[in-house]
């Protein structure tokens, strides 16, 4: 694994750990120190990847939420009528929720 891949892997583990802490403790009780024991990293490492708890939360919501998948579906459907795209989105919605159950439980 090269340095770039290792950095991406580490960033993803930080996001995994953060999601677990947010789910377990909620937004307001979660702390930066609390995010790191689950991923075996020094809390300072989190600041290498994210500006703080708010940025970490925003990144989770942007990258891991079902909203990003819905946005991608819509972006790829600009030349198709809503009468076709919306039923497709509704059909896929239960799967998207299942794939993101940890994040859904956080909400």
C-alpha atoms as a PDB file:
ATOM      1  CA  UNK A   1       0.000   0.000   0.000  1.00  0.00           C
ATOM      2  CA  UNK A   2       1.521   3.339  -1.021  1.00  0.00           C
ATOM      3  CA  UNK A   3       1.391   6.475   1.134  1.00  0.00           C
ATOM      4  CA  UNK A   4      -1.665   7.900  -0.601  1.00  0.00           C
ATOM      5  CA  UNK A   5      -3.614   4.660  -0.194  1.00  0.00           C
ATOM      6  CA  UNK A   6      -2.505   4.420   3.428  1.00  0.00           C
ATOM      7  CA  UNK A   7      -3.652   7.997   4.106  1.00  0.00           C
ATOM      8  CA  UNK A   8      -7.035   7.296   2.500  1.00  0.00           C
ATOM      9  CA  UNK A   9      -7.388   4.083   4.499  1.00  0.00           C
ATOM     10  CA  UNK A  10      -6.585   5.957   7.720  1.00  0.00           C
ATOM     11  CA  UNK A  11      -9.066   8.726   6.865  1.00  0.00           C
ATOM     12  CA  UNK A  12     -11.798   6.136   6.256  1.00  0.00           C
ATOM     13  CA  UNK A  13     -11.044   4.460   9.615  1.00  0.00           C
ATOM     14  CA  UNK A  14     -11.334   7.843  11.326  1.00  0.00           C
ATOM     15  CA  UNK A  15     -14.725   8.340   9.672  1.00  0.00           C
ATOM     16  CA  UNK A  16     -15.797   4.834  10.734  1.00  0.00           C
ATOM     17  CA  UNK A  17     -14.792   5.491  14.319  1.00  0.00           C
ATOM     18  CA  UNK A  18     -16.427   8.921  14.321  1.00  0.00           C
ATOM     19  CA  UNK A  19     -19.703   7.505  13.077  1.00  0.00           C
ATOM     20  CA  UNK A  20     -19.628   4.932  15.875  1.00  0.00           C
ATOM     21  CA  UNK A  21     -19.023   7.627  18.473  1.00  0.00           C
ATOM     22  CA  UNK A  22     -21.727   9.912  17.060  1.00  0.00           C
ATOM     23  CA  UNK A  23     -24.217   7.020  17.062  1.00  0.00           C
ATOM     24  CA  UNK A  24     -23.308   5.970  20.609  1.00  0.00           C
ATOM     25  CA  UNK A  25     -23.030   9.401  22.221  1.00  0.00           C
ATOM     26  CA  UNK A  26     -24.868  11.828  19.966  1.00  0.00           C
ATOM     27  CA  UNK A  27     -23.493  14.986  18.408  1.00  0.00           C
ATOM     28  CA  UNK A  28     -23.216  17.093  21.533  1.00  0.00           C
ATOM     29  CA  UNK A  29     -21.617  14.504  23.823  1.00  0.00           C
ATOM     30  CA  UNK A  30     -19.151  13.250  21.217  1.00  0.00           C
ATOM     31  CA  UNK A  31     -15.633  14.616  21.552  1.00  0.00           C
ATOM     32  CA  UNK A  32     -12.579  14.555  19.306  1.00  0.00           C
ATOM     33  CA  UNK A  33     -10.738  12.490  21.922  1.00  0.00           C
ATOM     34  CA  UNK A  34     -13.628  10.061  21.931  1.00  0.00           C
ATOM     35  CA  UNK A  35     -13.343   9.426  18.206  1.00  0.00           C
ATOM     36  CA  UNK A  36      -9.831   8.080  18.317  1.00  0.00           C
ATOM     37  CA  UNK A  37      -9.771   5.119  20.729  1.00  0.00           C
ATOM     38  CA  UNK A  38     -11.898   3.040  18.359  1.00  0.00           C
ATOM     39  CA  UNK A  39      -9.457   3.569  15.513  1.00  0.00           C
ATOM     40  CA  UNK A  40      -6.261   3.377  17.607  1.00  0.00           C
ATOM     41  CA  UNK A  41      -4.952   6.794  16.600  1.00  0.00           C
ATOM     42  CA  UNK A  42      -3.752   9.821  18.476  1.00  0.00           C
ATOM     43  CA  UNK A  43      -6.454  12.532  18.629  1.00  0.00           C
ATOM     44  CA  UNK A  44      -4.050  14.937  16.907  1.00  0.00           C
ATOM     45  CA  UNK A  45      -4.182  12.759  13.802  1.00  0.00           C
ATOM     46  CA  UNK A  46      -7.847  13.609  13.388  1.00  0.00           C
ATOM     47  CA  UNK A  47      -6.871  17.257  12.927  1.00  0.00           C
ATOM     48  CA  UNK A  48      -4.548  16.239  10.102  1.00  0.00           C
ATOM     49  CA  UNK A  49      -7.612  15.111   8.139  1.00  0.00           C
ATOM     50  CA  UNK A  50     -10.399  17.288   9.547  1.00  0.00           C
ATOM     51  CA  UNK A  51     -10.602  20.775  11.082  1.00  0.00           C
ATOM     52  CA  UNK A  52     -12.646  19.523  14.023  1.00  0.00           C
ATOM     53  CA  UNK A  53     -15.815  17.796  15.075  1.00  0.00           C
ATOM     54  CA  UNK A  54     -18.066  19.940  12.884  1.00  0.00           C
ATOM     55  CA  UNK A  55     -16.001  19.257   9.759  1.00  0.00           C
ATOM     56  CA  UNK A  56     -15.885  15.577  10.621  1.00  0.00           C
ATOM     57  CA  UNK A  57     -19.670  15.477  10.961  1.00  0.00           C
ATOM     58  CA  UNK A  58     -20.166  17.408   7.709  1.00  0.00           C
ATOM     59  CA  UNK A  59     -17.826  14.988   5.917  1.00  0.00           C
ATOM     60  CA  UNK A  60     -19.748  11.997   7.261  1.00  0.00           C
ATOM     61  CA  UNK A  61     -23.009  13.466   6.082  1.00  0.00           C
ATOM     62  CA  UNK A  62     -21.617  14.370   2.665  1.00  0.00           C
ATOM     63  CA  UNK A  63     -19.697  11.181   1.941  1.00  0.00           C
ATOM     64  CA  UNK A  64     -21.573   8.505   3.826  1.00  0.00           C
ATOM     65  CA  UNK A  65     -25.181   9.559   3.746  1.00  0.00           C
ATOM     66  CA  UNK A  66     -27.852   8.416   1.384  1.00  0.00           C
ATOM     67  CA  UNK A  67     -28.172  12.023   0.226  1.00  0.00           C
ATOM     68  CA  UNK A  68     -24.908  11.794  -1.704  1.00  0.00           C
ATOM     69  CA  UNK A  69     -26.179   8.710  -3.545  1.00  0.00           C
ATOM     70  CA  UNK A  70     -29.457  10.464  -4.324  1.00  0.00           C
ATOM     71  CA  UNK A  71     -27.538  13.484  -5.640  1.00  0.00           C
ATOM     72  CA  UNK A  72     -25.457  11.236  -7.898  1.00  0.00           C
ATOM     73  CA  UNK A  73     -28.594   9.573  -9.220  1.00  0.00           C
ATOM     74  CA  UNK A  74     -30.161  12.932  -9.980  1.00  0.00           C
ATOM     75  CA  UNK A  75     -27.000  14.293 -11.582  1.00  0.00           C
ATOM     76  CA  UNK A  76     -26.898  11.328 -13.932  1.00  0.00           C
ATOM     77  CA  UNK A  77     -30.533  11.715 -14.886  1.00  0.00           C
ATOM     78  CA  UNK A  78     -30.660  15.220 -16.326  1.00  0.00           C
ATOM     79  CA  UNK A  79     -31.754  13.979 -19.737  1.00  0.00           C
ATOM     80  CA  UNK A  80     -34.471  11.650 -18.402  1.00  0.00           C
ATOM     81  CA  UNK A  81     -37.995  12.624 -17.327  1.00  0.00           C
ATOM     82  CA  UNK A  82     -38.904  12.776 -13.637  1.00  0.00           C
ATOM     83  CA  UNK A  83     -41.614  10.174 -14.261  1.00  0.00           C
ATOM     84  CA  UNK A  84     -38.822   7.655 -14.914  1.00  0.00           C
ATOM     85  CA  UNK A  85     -36.187   8.840 -12.446  1.00  0.00           C
ATOM     86  CA  UNK A  86     -38.366   9.256  -9.345  1.00  0.00           C
ATOM     87  CA  UNK A  87     -39.763   5.693  -9.401  1.00  0.00           C
ATOM     88  CA  UNK A  88     -36.188   4.386  -9.793  1.00  0.00           C
ATOM     89  CA  UNK A  89     -35.097   6.408  -6.771  1.00  0.00           C
ATOM     90  CA  UNK A  90     -38.045   5.156  -4.726  1.00  0.00           C
ATOM     91  CA  UNK A  91     -37.290   1.568  -5.737  1.00  0.00           C
ATOM     92  CA  UNK A  92     -33.657   1.923  -4.614  1.00  0.00           C
ATOM     93  CA  UNK A  93     -34.454   3.850  -1.410  1.00  0.00           C
ATOM     94  CA  UNK A  94     -34.895   0.815   0.940  1.00  0.00           C
ATOM     95  CA  UNK A  95     -31.534  -0.561  -0.192  1.00  0.00           C
ATOM     96  CA  UNK A  96     -29.860   2.802   0.325  1.00  0.00           C
ATOM     97  CA  UNK A  97     -31.300   3.010   3.859  1.00  0.00           C
ATOM     98  CA  UNK A  98     -30.153  -0.549   4.618  1.00  0.00           C
ATOM     99  CA  UNK A  99     -26.634   0.198   3.359  1.00  0.00           C
ATOM    100  CA  UNK A 100     -26.514   3.273   5.585  1.00  0.00           C
ATOM    101  CA  UNK A 101     -28.284   1.878   8.669  1.00  0.00           C
ATOM    102  CA  UNK A 102     -25.678   3.193  11.124  1.00  0.00           C
ATOM    103  CA  UNK A 103     -26.045   6.689   9.775  1.00  0.00           C
ATOM    104  CA  UNK A 104     -29.833   6.346   9.691  1.00  0.00           C
ATOM    105  CA  UNK A 105     -29.822   5.264  13.346  1.00  0.00           C
ATOM    106  CA  UNK A 106     -27.753   8.352  14.104  1.00  0.00           C
ATOM    107  CA  UNK A 107     -30.494  10.550  12.646  1.00  0.00           C
END
